[in-house]
Structure formats: C-alpha cells, structure tokens
Protein backbone atom coordinates (compact mmCIF):
# COMPACT_ATOMS: atom_id res chain seq x y z
CA UNK A 1 29.66 -12.04 14.88
CA UNK A 2 27.11 -14.69 15.05
CA UNK A 3 25.89 -14.15 18.81
CA UNK A 4 25.40 -16.63 21.51
CA UNK A 5 27.67 -19.54 19.61
CA UNK A 6 29.95 -19.74 17.03
CA UNK A 7 27.51 -19.89 13.66
CA UNK A 8 28.20 -23.65 12.77
CA UNK A 9 26.87 -24.90 16.46
CA UNK A 10 23.91 -21.96 15.79
CA UNK A 11 22.93 -24.21 12.55
CA UNK A 12 23.76 -27.28 14.26
CA UNK A 13 20.90 -26.61 17.24
CA UNK A 14 18.90 -25.56 14.21
CA UNK A 15 18.23 -29.14 13.58
CA UNK A 16 17.09 -30.28 16.72
CA UNK A 17 14.78 -27.62 16.47
CA UNK A 18 13.51 -28.17 13.18
CA UNK A 19 12.84 -31.58 14.08
CA UNK A 20 10.78 -30.98 16.69
CA UNK A 21 8.37 -28.18 14.98
CA UNK A 22 7.86 -31.15 12.97
CA UNK A 23 9.63 -30.85 10.05
CA UNK A 24 10.77 -33.54 7.36
CA UNK A 25 13.61 -35.90 9.11
CA UNK A 26 14.68 -36.59 5.32
CA UNK A 27 14.86 -32.94 4.21
CA UNK A 28 16.28 -31.89 7.73
CA UNK A 29 19.24 -34.79 7.48
CA UNK A 30 20.16 -33.91 4.15
CA UNK A 31 20.85 -30.54 5.12
CA UNK A 32 22.83 -32.16 8.07
CA UNK A 33 24.94 -33.62 5.55
CA UNK A 34 25.60 -30.51 3.72
CA UNK A 35 26.25 -29.03 7.15
CA UNK A 36 28.88 -31.66 8.35
CA UNK A 37 30.93 -30.79 4.92
CA UNK A 38 31.36 -26.63 5.26
CA UNK A 39 33.04 -24.35 7.46
CA UNK A 40 32.38 -21.18 5.18
CA UNK A 41 30.02 -18.91 6.58
CA UNK A 42 28.03 -18.14 3.84
CA UNK A 43 27.03 -21.56 2.94
CA UNK A 44 26.16 -22.04 6.84
CA UNK A 45 24.08 -19.24 6.93
CA UNK A 46 22.32 -20.65 3.61
CA UNK A 47 21.38 -24.14 4.86
CA UNK A 48 19.98 -22.14 8.13
CA UNK A 49 17.93 -20.43 5.64
CA UNK A 50 17.07 -23.23 3.93
CA UNK A 51 15.85 -25.31 7.22
CA UNK A 52 13.90 -22.38 8.27
CA UNK A 53 12.06 -22.68 4.93
CA UNK A 54 11.26 -26.33 5.36
CA UNK A 55 7.37 -27.03 5.59
CA UNK A 56 5.79 -28.72 8.38
CA UNK A 57 5.34 -32.51 7.67
CA UNK A 58 1.84 -33.22 6.88
CA UNK A 59 1.21 -35.78 9.36
CA UNK A 60 2.61 -33.53 12.31
CA UNK A 61 -0.65 -34.02 14.92
CA UNK A 62 0.26 -29.90 16.16
CA UNK A 63 -1.16 -26.74 15.15
CA UNK A 64 1.08 -24.04 16.74
CA UNK A 65 0.72 -20.54 15.66
CA UNK A 66 2.49 -17.20 16.61
CA UNK A 67 -0.33 -15.07 16.07
CA UNK A 68 -2.20 -13.83 19.20
CA UNK A 69 -5.80 -14.03 17.99
CA UNK A 70 -4.55 -17.36 16.29
CA UNK A 71 -3.28 -18.50 19.78
CA UNK A 72 -6.60 -17.17 21.06
CA UNK A 73 -8.84 -19.28 18.52
CA UNK A 74 -7.22 -22.49 19.49
CA UNK A 75 -7.74 -22.22 23.48
CA UNK A 76 -9.56 -25.36 24.94
CA UNK A 77 -12.19 -22.53 26.26
CA UNK A 78 -12.58 -19.07 27.27
CA UNK A 79 -11.16 -18.01 30.72
CA UNK A 80 -12.34 -14.85 32.32
CA UNK A 81 -11.49 -13.35 35.89
CA UNK A 82 -11.93 -16.19 38.11
CA UNK A 83 -12.67 -13.31 41.15
CA UNK A 84 -12.78 -10.01 42.51
CA UNK A 85 -9.43 -8.29 42.84
CA UNK A 86 -8.80 -8.15 46.85
CA UNK A 87 -8.47 -5.35 48.42
CA UNK A 88 -5.40 -3.51 48.34
CA UNK A 89 -4.40 -4.60 52.04
CA UNK A 90 -4.53 -8.27 50.79
CA UNK A 91 -3.24 -7.54 47.21
CA UNK A 92 -0.51 -5.61 48.68
CA UNK A 93 0.27 -8.76 51.22
CA UNK A 94 -0.13 -11.39 48.04
CA UNK A 95 2.18 -9.52 46.16
CA UNK A 96 4.89 -9.16 48.39
CA UNK A 97 4.71 -12.85 48.79
CA UNK A 98 5.12 -13.58 45.48
CA UNK A 99 8.09 -11.27 45.11
CA UNK A 100 9.65 -12.89 48.09
CA UNK A 101 8.88 -16.40 46.49
CA UNK A 102 10.40 -16.18 43.03
CA UNK A 103 13.67 -14.41 45.10
CA UNK A 104 13.37 -17.64 47.81
CA UNK A 105 12.70 -20.45 44.57
CA UNK A 106 15.46 -18.43 42.35
CA UNK A 107 18.20 -18.23 45.11
CA UNK A 108 17.53 -21.84 46.05
CA UNK A 109 18.28 -22.98 42.40
CA UNK A 110 20.98 -21.04 41.69
CA UNK A 111 23.65 -23.19 43.32
CA UNK A 112 22.66 -26.15 41.50
CA UNK A 113 21.56 -25.05 38.10
CA UNK A 114 24.82 -26.62 36.35
CA UNK A 115 24.05 -29.78 37.73
CA UNK A 116 20.26 -29.60 35.99
CA UNK A 117 21.76 -28.45 32.70
CA UNK A 118 24.67 -31.64 33.21
CA UNK A 119 27.56 -29.46 33.58
CA UNK A 120 30.94 -30.18 35.58
CA UNK A 121 30.79 -28.85 39.04
CA UNK A 122 33.75 -26.55 40.01
CA UNK A 123 36.34 -29.54 41.97
CA UNK A 124 34.04 -32.36 40.82
CA UNK A 125 34.28 -35.04 38.54
CA UNK A 126 32.27 -35.13 34.97
CA UNK A 127 28.77 -35.35 36.02
CA UNK A 128 27.20 -38.89 35.35
CA UNK A 129 24.59 -37.81 32.08
CA UNK A 130 23.59 -41.57 32.35
CA UNK A 131 21.55 -39.97 35.47
CA UNK A 132 18.17 -37.80 35.23
CA UNK A 133 19.38 -34.42 36.24
CA UNK A 134 17.76 -35.04 39.55
CA UNK A 135 19.36 -37.79 40.39
CA UNK A 136 22.55 -35.46 40.31
CA UNK A 137 21.07 -32.54 42.57
CA UNK A 138 20.33 -35.61 44.84
CA UNK A 139 23.38 -36.99 44.84
CA UNK A 140 24.98 -33.49 45.32
CA UNK A 141 23.16 -33.61 48.79
CA UNK A 142 23.12 -37.09 49.84
CA UNK A 143 26.82 -37.29 49.53
CA UNK A 144 26.62 -34.95 52.63
CA UNK A 145 23.93 -36.74 54.60
CA UNK A 146 20.79 -38.39 53.73
CA UNK A 147 19.15 -36.41 55.57
CA UNK A 148 19.65 -33.84 53.38
CA UNK A 149 16.78 -35.36 51.02
CA UNK A 150 14.27 -33.93 50.15
CA UNK A 151 15.41 -30.60 50.22
CA UNK A 152 15.15 -28.89 53.54
CA UNK A 153 17.26 -25.40 53.21
CA UNK A 154 19.14 -23.28 50.92
CA UNK A 155 22.18 -25.72 49.02
CA UNK A 156 25.26 -26.08 50.57
CA UNK A 157 27.95 -24.47 49.19
CA UNK A 158 30.33 -27.60 48.58
CA UNK A 159 29.60 -31.31 48.81
CA UNK A 160 31.99 -34.28 48.26
CA UNK A 161 30.74 -34.19 44.58
CA UNK A 162 32.22 -30.94 44.11
CA UNK A 163 31.32 -26.78 44.81
CA UNK A 164 27.95 -25.20 43.87
CA UNK A 165 28.20 -22.38 41.94
CA UNK A 166 26.55 -19.30 42.75
CA UNK A 167 28.45 -18.48 46.68
CA UNK A 168 25.96 -15.83 46.84
CA UNK A 169 22.96 -17.91 47.21
CA UNK A 170 24.37 -20.71 49.14
CA UNK A 171 23.08 -21.97 52.78
CA UNK A 172 26.28 -20.82 54.16
CA UNK A 173 26.30 -17.18 52.95
CA UNK A 174 22.93 -15.90 51.50
CA UNK A 175 22.30 -12.58 52.74
CA UNK A 176 20.14 -11.04 49.54
CA UNK A 177 18.75 -12.09 46.40
CA UNK A 178 21.51 -11.40 44.06
CA UNK A 179 21.36 -10.64 40.52
CA UNK A 180 20.03 -12.83 38.12
CA UNK A 181 18.55 -13.13 34.60
CA UNK A 182 14.92 -14.43 36.25
CA UNK A 183 14.95 -11.38 38.91
CA UNK A 184 16.12 -8.47 36.04
CA UNK A 185 13.50 -9.52 33.93
CA UNK A 186 11.13 -9.12 36.66
CA UNK A 187 11.86 -5.80 37.70
CA UNK A 188 11.85 -4.68 33.59
CA UNK A 189 8.68 -5.80 33.27
CA UNK A 190 7.60 -3.96 36.26
CA UNK A 191 9.17 -0.59 34.92
CA UNK A 192 7.55 -1.33 31.25
CA UNK A 193 4.54 -1.29 33.19
CA UNK A 194 4.75 1.60 35.26
CA UNK A 195 6.04 3.83 32.17
CA UNK A 196 3.95 2.62 29.69
CA UNK A 197 0.68 1.44 31.15
CA UNK A 198 -1.71 -1.70 29.60
CA UNK A 199 -1.15 -0.19 25.85
CA UNK A 200 3.05 -1.02 25.82
CA UNK A 201 3.67 -2.67 23.04
CA UNK A 202 6.56 -5.25 21.73
CA UNK A 203 8.69 -2.09 20.45
CA UNK A 204 8.67 -0.81 23.93
CA UNK A 205 10.08 -3.93 25.38
CA UNK A 206 12.68 -3.75 22.82
CA UNK A 207 13.66 -0.17 23.70
CA UNK A 208 14.16 -1.06 27.16
CA UNK A 209 16.19 -3.74 26.30
CA UNK A 210 18.53 -1.94 24.40
CA UNK A 211 18.07 0.98 26.90
CA UNK A 212 18.47 -1.04 30.41
CA UNK A 213 19.59 -4.70 29.80
CA UNK A 214 23.24 -5.05 28.24
CA UNK A 215 24.25 -7.76 26.12
CA UNK A 216 26.34 -9.34 28.23
CA UNK A 217 23.50 -9.80 30.58
CA UNK A 218 21.05 -11.68 28.38
CA UNK A 219 21.41 -15.48 27.09
CA UNK A 220 20.68 -17.63 24.37
CA UNK A 221 17.42 -16.74 22.42
CA UNK A 222 17.54 -13.27 24.02
CA UNK A 223 21.12 -13.01 22.70
CA UNK A 224 19.76 -13.68 19.23
CA UNK A 225 17.00 -11.12 19.40
CA UNK A 226 19.11 -8.57 20.75
CA UNK A 227 21.62 -9.42 17.96
CA UNK A 228 18.80 -9.21 15.65
CA UNK A 229 17.49 -6.22 16.60
CA UNK A 230 20.58 -4.42 16.65
CA UNK A 231 21.13 -5.75 13.07
CA UNK A 232 18.31 -4.56 11.48
CA UNK A 233 16.75 -1.72 13.53
CA UNK A 234 18.16 1.82 14.90
CA UNK A 235 14.29 2.94 16.01
CA UNK A 236 14.13 0.80 19.33
CA UNK A 237 15.99 3.14 21.11
CA UNK A 238 14.33 6.04 21.21
CA UNK A 239 10.51 5.81 21.83
CA UNK A 240 9.26 8.70 22.99
CA UNK A 241 5.57 7.67 23.18
CA UNK A 242 3.05 5.14 23.01
CA UNK A 243 1.63 5.97 19.19
CA UNK A 244 5.22 5.92 18.12
CA UNK A 245 5.83 2.32 19.90
CA UNK A 246 2.70 0.89 18.16
CA UNK A 247 3.77 2.42 14.72
CA UNK A 248 6.94 0.40 15.32
CA UNK A 249 5.29 -2.62 16.64
CA UNK A 250 3.36 -2.68 13.05
CA UNK A 251 6.53 -1.72 11.14
CA UNK A 252 8.98 -4.48 12.82
CA UNK A 253 9.57 -8.06 11.69
CA UNK A 254 8.98 -9.60 14.69
CA UNK A 255 9.33 -13.07 13.05
CA UNK A 256 12.45 -12.55 11.52
CA UNK A 257 13.99 -10.96 14.76
CA UNK A 258 12.41 -14.28 16.60
CA UNK A 259 13.88 -16.68 13.58
CA UNK A 260 16.68 -15.63 12.46
CA UNK A 261 19.87 -17.37 13.63
CA UNK A 262 17.63 -18.23 16.81
CA UNK A 263 17.75 -21.92 17.36
CA UNK A 264 16.86 -21.48 20.87
CA UNK A 265 13.05 -19.30 20.18
CA UNK A 266 11.34 -22.39 21.73
CA UNK A 267 13.54 -22.27 25.24
CA UNK A 268 12.59 -21.12 28.52
CA UNK A 269 13.80 -17.28 28.04
CA UNK A 270 10.28 -15.98 27.53
CA UNK A 271 8.89 -17.97 30.49
CA UNK A 272 10.99 -16.46 32.88
CA UNK A 273 10.67 -12.84 31.85
CA UNK A 274 6.82 -12.49 32.47
CA UNK A 275 6.46 -12.65 36.24
CA UNK A 276 5.18 -8.73 36.60
CA UNK A 277 2.86 -9.61 33.60
CA UNK A 278 0.95 -11.66 36.16
CA UNK A 279 1.56 -9.40 39.04
CA UNK A 280 -0.28 -6.80 37.14
CA UNK A 281 -3.18 -8.84 36.03
CA UNK A 282 -4.39 -10.19 39.40
CA UNK A 283 -7.51 -12.46 38.83
CA UNK A 284 -7.08 -11.98 35.12
CA UNK A 285 -5.39 -15.02 33.11
CA UNK A 286 -6.27 -13.64 29.94
CA UNK A 287 -4.46 -10.13 30.49
CA UNK A 288 -1.44 -11.35 31.51
CA UNK A 289 -1.35 -14.04 29.13
CA UNK A 290 -1.99 -11.22 26.30
CA UNK A 291 0.93 -8.85 27.78
CA UNK A 292 3.19 -12.17 28.34
CA UNK A 293 2.96 -12.70 24.32
CA UNK A 294 3.24 -9.08 23.69
CA UNK A 295 6.85 -9.08 25.54
CA UNK A 296 7.54 -13.05 24.43
CA UNK A 297 7.51 -12.28 20.51
CA UNK A 298 10.39 -10.43 20.50
CA UNK A 299 12.60 -13.56 20.93
CA UNK A 300 10.36 -16.79 20.52
CA UNK A 301 7.78 -18.79 18.72
CA UNK A 302 5.34 -21.19 18.96
CA UNK A 303 5.64 -23.16 22.42
CA UNK A 304 8.15 -20.68 23.67
CA UNK A 305 5.28 -17.92 23.34
CA UNK A 306 2.90 -20.95 25.09
CA UNK A 307 5.27 -21.28 28.17
CA UNK A 308 5.35 -17.46 28.79
CA UNK A 309 1.23 -17.34 28.64
CA UNK A 310 0.68 -20.35 30.42
CA UNK A 311 3.05 -19.22 33.44
CA UNK A 312 2.04 -15.45 33.57
CA UNK A 313 -1.83 -16.81 33.74
CA UNK A 314 -0.77 -19.62 36.77
CA UNK A 315 0.60 -16.42 38.29
CA UNK A 316 -2.25 -13.78 37.51
CA UNK A 317 -4.68 -16.45 39.06
CA UNK A 318 -2.87 -17.18 41.77
CA UNK A 319 -4.24 -14.16 43.46
CA UNK A 320 -7.78 -15.47 42.95
CA UNK A 321 -8.19 -18.68 43.79
CA UNK A 322 -6.59 -21.37 46.42
CA UNK A 323 -6.95 -24.30 43.82
CA UNK A 324 -3.72 -25.59 42.23
CA UNK A 325 -5.52 -26.92 39.76
CA UNK A 326 -7.48 -24.48 39.10
CA UNK A 327 -4.27 -22.35 38.79
CA UNK A 328 -2.74 -24.65 35.91
CA UNK A 329 -6.15 -25.07 34.40
CA UNK A 330 -5.86 -21.01 34.15
CA UNK A 331 -2.77 -21.43 32.58
CA UNK A 332 -3.83 -24.28 30.21
CA UNK A 333 -6.42 -22.22 29.14
CA UNK A 334 -4.87 -19.58 27.73
CA UNK A 335 -2.50 -21.62 25.21
CA UNK A 336 -3.37 -23.47 22.17
CA UNK A 337 -5.22 -27.00 23.06
CA UNK A 338 -3.42 -28.16 19.93
CA UNK A 339 0.34 -27.37 20.73
CA UNK A 340 3.28 -29.91 22.13
CA UNK A 341 3.06 -28.16 25.14
CA UNK A 342 -0.26 -28.49 25.74
CA UNK A 343 -0.49 -31.86 25.32
CA UNK A 344 2.73 -32.54 27.01
CA UNK A 345 1.33 -30.85 30.49
CA UNK A 346 -2.10 -32.42 30.50
CA UNK A 347 0.55 -35.99 30.28
CA UNK A 348 2.05 -34.53 33.37
CA UNK A 349 -0.97 -34.09 35.04
CA UNK A 350 -2.25 -37.29 34.38
CA UNK A 351 0.88 -38.53 35.80
CA UNK A 352 0.62 -36.58 39.10
CA UNK A 353 -2.89 -38.24 39.37
CA UNK A 354 -1.72 -41.47 39.14
CA UNK A 355 0.55 -41.09 41.69
CA UNK A 356 -2.56 -39.04 44.17
CA UNK A 357 -0.57 -35.86 43.81
CA UNK A 358 1.21 -37.15 46.85
CA UNK A 359 4.44 -35.22 47.64
CA UNK A 360 5.53 -38.53 49.01
CA UNK A 361 5.81 -40.05 45.39
CA UNK A 362 7.88 -36.95 44.29
CA UNK A 363 10.68 -39.20 42.83
CA UNK A 364 8.60 -41.40 40.64
CA UNK A 365 6.79 -38.31 39.44
CA UNK A 366 9.95 -36.63 38.56
CA UNK A 367 11.31 -40.22 36.84
CA UNK A 368 8.07 -40.72 34.53
CA UNK A 369 8.54 -36.82 33.77
CA UNK A 370 11.99 -36.96 32.77
CA UNK A 371 11.18 -39.72 30.78
CA UNK A 372 8.60 -37.90 28.54
CA UNK A 373 10.45 -35.14 28.24
CA UNK A 374 14.08 -36.04 28.46
CA UNK A 375 14.61 -35.67 25.07
CA UNK A 376 14.31 -31.88 25.27
CA UNK A 377 17.32 -29.53 26.08
CA UNK A 378 17.54 -28.83 29.74
CA UNK A 379 16.55 -25.20 29.20
CA UNK A 380 13.63 -25.88 26.72
CA UNK A 381 10.12 -24.73 27.63
CA UNK A 382 8.01 -27.47 27.63
CA UNK A 383 10.07 -29.74 29.89
CA UNK A 384 10.69 -27.18 32.66
CA UNK A 385 7.19 -26.13 32.65
CA UNK A 386 6.28 -29.82 33.63
CA UNK A 387 8.18 -29.35 36.56
CA UNK A 388 6.22 -26.29 37.62
CA UNK A 389 2.94 -27.91 37.34
CA UNK A 390 4.47 -31.22 38.99
CA UNK A 391 5.67 -28.72 42.12
CA UNK A 392 2.50 -27.00 41.92
CA UNK A 393 0.00 -30.51 42.08
CA UNK A 394 2.60 -32.70 44.35
CA UNK A 395 3.00 -29.78 46.53
CA UNK A 396 -0.48 -28.48 46.80
CA UNK A 397 0.15 -25.00 46.64
CA UNK A 398 2.74 -25.05 50.11
CA UNK A 399 5.32 -22.60 49.73
CA UNK A 400 7.76 -25.11 51.01
CA UNK A 401 7.34 -27.73 48.88
CA UNK A 402 6.39 -25.99 46.24
CA UNK A 403 9.76 -24.24 45.84
CA UNK A 404 11.91 -27.49 46.81
CA UNK A 405 10.21 -29.63 44.36
CA UNK A 406 10.57 -26.95 41.52
CA UNK A 407 14.38 -27.41 42.20
CA UNK A 408 14.80 -30.63 43.25
CA UNK A 409 12.98 -31.77 40.26
CA UNK A 410 16.08 -31.08 38.00
CA UNK A 411 16.77 -29.39 34.50
CA UNK A 412 16.93 -25.32 34.88
CA UNK A 413 16.52 -25.14 38.63
CA UNK A 414 16.58 -21.19 39.37
CA UNK A 415 14.45 -20.57 36.99
CA UNK A 416 11.37 -23.52 37.91
CA UNK A 417 12.13 -22.17 41.43
CA UNK A 418 11.25 -18.82 40.91
CA UNK A 419 8.49 -18.96 38.53
CA UNK A 420 6.65 -21.75 41.31
CA UNK A 421 8.01 -19.00 43.78
CA UNK A 422 5.75 -16.38 42.61
CA UNK A 423 2.76 -18.63 42.78
CA UNK A 424 2.82 -20.22 45.96
CA UNK A 425 4.27 -16.90 47.15
CA UNK A 426 0.88 -15.64 45.84
CA UNK A 427 -1.17 -18.02 47.40
CA UNK A 428 0.02 -17.56 50.97
CA UNK A 429 1.13 -13.67 51.12
CA UNK A 430 3.81 -12.30 52.88
CA UNK A 431 2.82 -12.39 56.52
CA UNK A 432 2.51 -16.08 55.70
CA UNK A 433 5.72 -16.97 53.74
CA UNK A 434 7.92 -19.44 56.07
CA UNK A 435 10.85 -16.84 57.44
CA UNK A 436 13.16 -20.14 57.13
CA UNK A 437 13.41 -19.47 53.75
CA UNK A 438 12.81 -15.14 53.39
CA UNK A 439 14.26 -13.65 56.25
CA UNK A 440 18.10 -14.49 54.93
CA UNK A 441 16.97 -12.83 51.66
CA UNK A 442 17.07 -9.33 54.36
CA UNK A 443 14.36 -7.25 52.02
CA UNK A 444 17.05 -6.81 49.55
CA UNK A 445 17.38 -7.40 46.01
CA UNK A 446 20.23 -6.97 43.47
CA UNK A 447 19.45 -6.66 40.17
CA UNK A 448 22.12 -4.81 38.29
CA UNK A 449 19.22 -2.56 36.76
CA UNK A 450 19.62 1.09 37.67
CA UNK A 451 17.14 2.08 40.45
CA UNK A 452 16.65 -1.58 41.71
CA UNK A 453 20.02 -2.26 42.96
CA UNK A 454 20.02 -2.76 45.81
CA UNK A 455 15.96 -2.47 46.47
CA UNK A 456 13.76 -3.38 48.97
CA UNK A 457 11.47 -6.47 47.99
CA UNK A 458 9.05 -5.00 50.07
CA UNK A 459 9.30 -1.88 47.79
CA UNK A 460 9.50 -3.68 44.80
CA UNK A 461 5.75 -5.37 45.94
CA UNK A 462 4.32 -1.47 46.40
CA UNK A 463 5.61 -0.96 42.67
CA UNK A 464 3.32 -3.78 41.49
CA UNK A 465 0.55 -2.40 43.48
CA UNK A 466 0.99 0.85 41.62
CA UNK A 467 0.96 -0.86 38.61
CA UNK A 468 -2.12 -2.65 39.13
CA UNK A 469 -3.59 0.85 40.27
CA UNK A 470 -2.31 2.26 37.08
CA UNK A 471 -3.68 -0.39 34.59
CA UNK A 472 -7.12 -0.06 36.77
C-alpha cells in the first residue's frame, strides 16, 4: 500500500517537489526518463530514493532548514510578546470569536473547494482550466445572478454551472459546522494541549493521531506520514507520560517520516493544523510558532513547516493587536527570511500595497497573485498562505470581508476561509461577529472526534481558555 496515491503517481509528484525545492533540473529530468520506462515497484522506490538524495543546486537563492534552532537563527528579527494578555472576559470573547470565525470561514469555503482545485462539479461540465480558480468561483455565482458577486452569503447548493459539494454547508442547508479536516485538527490540537500542556512533543501528536484520527480522515502529506509512522514505529500507540514522549521524540527519525514517499511535504496540511496553538498563546507569536513546529514536523518540511508557523503566529498576534499589518509582520517574523515563503509573501504584500489595500480592487490583486504563484499545486502552502495575507490586508481585519476574500480567492477555499476566520474572529470577538455568518451555525460543531461530536462552539472556546490558564 503506497498511501494517498499509487506508487507511480507518488514518484511522479516527487519530480515537481524536487524542482521546487531547488534540485538540479538536469538530474531530475534524467530520473524522470527512467521513471517513464518502468512499473516495477522496487525500481520506482529506488528512483524516489535517488530524487531525495539529490543535492540542492549551488545557485538556489534560498536557505530552508527544518530544525527549529536553525529556523529561528534565520528570522528577520526577534518578535516578543505584542501586548499583555487581555483579561479573562475579553479573552474568552476573542477565543469564542476565533472558533466562530474558523467554523464560518471553513463552512463558507467547503462547497466550492473542488472549483478551487480545478475539479468537476456534480452535474457540471469539465472545468475551464484556462481560468484562474477565483474566476471559476466567480462564474459559479454570476451564472445565478450578477448580484451574487462579490460573495455576500454562504454558497447556493447549485448553479447553472453545476452542483456544489458539501450540501450541509450550503446556503439552503447550513445548520451547524459539519465535520471537516480543518476543524478536526483544531479539536485535536486543543486536546493535546489540555492533556499534555506546554511540554507536549511531536510524539504526543503522533500518538493522538493514531488513537483519535482514523486513517481515512487524513489527506496527502498526513496520509503519507501516518503510513510511515505505522510502518516503522509501534511505540506511538501508548505514550503514558511526558518524559516517555520526549524520549520518543529524540529516538524518532522525523525526517524519514516526513520525506518517505511524501511529495506533499510542502503542501497546506500542516498549515491547517495549528489554530489551537495560536489560541493557546494569545499575544505570543513565538510560542505559537514553536507549538506549530512541533506538530508540523511529523509530516512537513521547509515551507510546509513555515506556513504552519506563520499562521499560528498570526493567530496569536490577533489577540493582542487590531493592526492587520502587525499581524502579518508577526507571522513573517517567525519564519526564515531566506525562504521562498518569506520572499513570496513580501511580494504579495507589495501587490496589495500597490493596489492601495483596497477591497474594491480585489480582482486585480487576485489576478496578480495567481500569476505570481499559480505554478504551485492548488493545495500548496505558499500560494494559499498568500491568499490569507490578501484577505487580511484588503479586508482590513473585517470579519465579513476577511472570510469572503479568503474564499473568493480560490485554491484551497475551506482551508483559507478557516485560517482567516480565526484571525478576524479573534479581532472582533464573538460579541461583534456578524450574526449573518454565525447564527446559522447554531453554536454546534460536529468534528467526528469523541467528545466533540456534537459540541457547543462556545464550549470549545471555554476549553481554549482553560488551555491558556494551564500553560500559565
């Protein structure tokens, strides 16, 4: 069993990953030629091993370490706590807002995720891949009415273009936050922190996956990492205490788990797992980023790690400042200035600035960002993190504009809606969150995780406050 895709496909996707991370094209293409000539599994595995072993070319302009100390050494500057943690009443309201924002943004993006990924709608024709993904989403809405764009409500279940997916999250049906991987990981992060506290390690995260997260509920990089953990290690299944977990952390070859037959190791999976770490460290981007790194390294490397750290740091910052530029800066301050992600996000900030950070010019910004980063897969870290930045800067921190921009921008719509939802929800708090978006959730989340299915969204926020108290 190869995991998320057949072995032949996994090796094929490793060619793209190898080129993106700076390996010599001539060497990669020579191995691609050998790949085309074989179906033999042993030979395919050997080709994959040779791809992983290729060095980064000398003229590659980026330095992208995986080790936390090395990452911190390459940051653009030390980022300390932004402000005192708000008192409990204010903090609880902000935590509740963050949970509501994450749920609303995720639900908003779910029905059109397949359009963002360039897949075919039910009862629809083949998607026009000549269009940027945001244009396909626009077409879904404007084929109903020109008044549907810009996005103003949850998506209709159908349009002349075809039928949306995830009917429980559509305009006609939404009555709760349906189960979704973006939400399951937020729940798992909270449970890890409640049970293990600030000293949790990567081995504890791995143990929670194996004990609480069915293999069928994970995707791409997480599928491959889950497979690799089971393939090589039995010890994650029972970790009775923190010391044992730390020993396992030191004994485990995390690099092998994240690399072996895992061409998705810089995709968005780690970035969507970290919101509870931001909630746990309000006003402390550095701590949130460290928590995110401990989780992300199970399955991701390089920019896959950095995207997780970037988003966790932004969420943490949103509890301490209303300035969206400071929030983005807090995220950038926790990742290597020598990375592709850092460089590309600075370019995206410049694009937004060139358009005056004006919501009315969002289509022009979308077009430029898609032209800049459209070479990445639709569920890569870098392009989706870029859309989160666009949504924050052009939305100005507004809840409605933030989540709608994140989803209208295309690519991985539910993931981006959820991430931006956490930030804008923390900014406004539950008391100021627009009833238009949150009332239809009926304070109900279904996560498919025991103890959280169903669960009150307000209760999730109260448990997040318990985490903050626990961490001290």
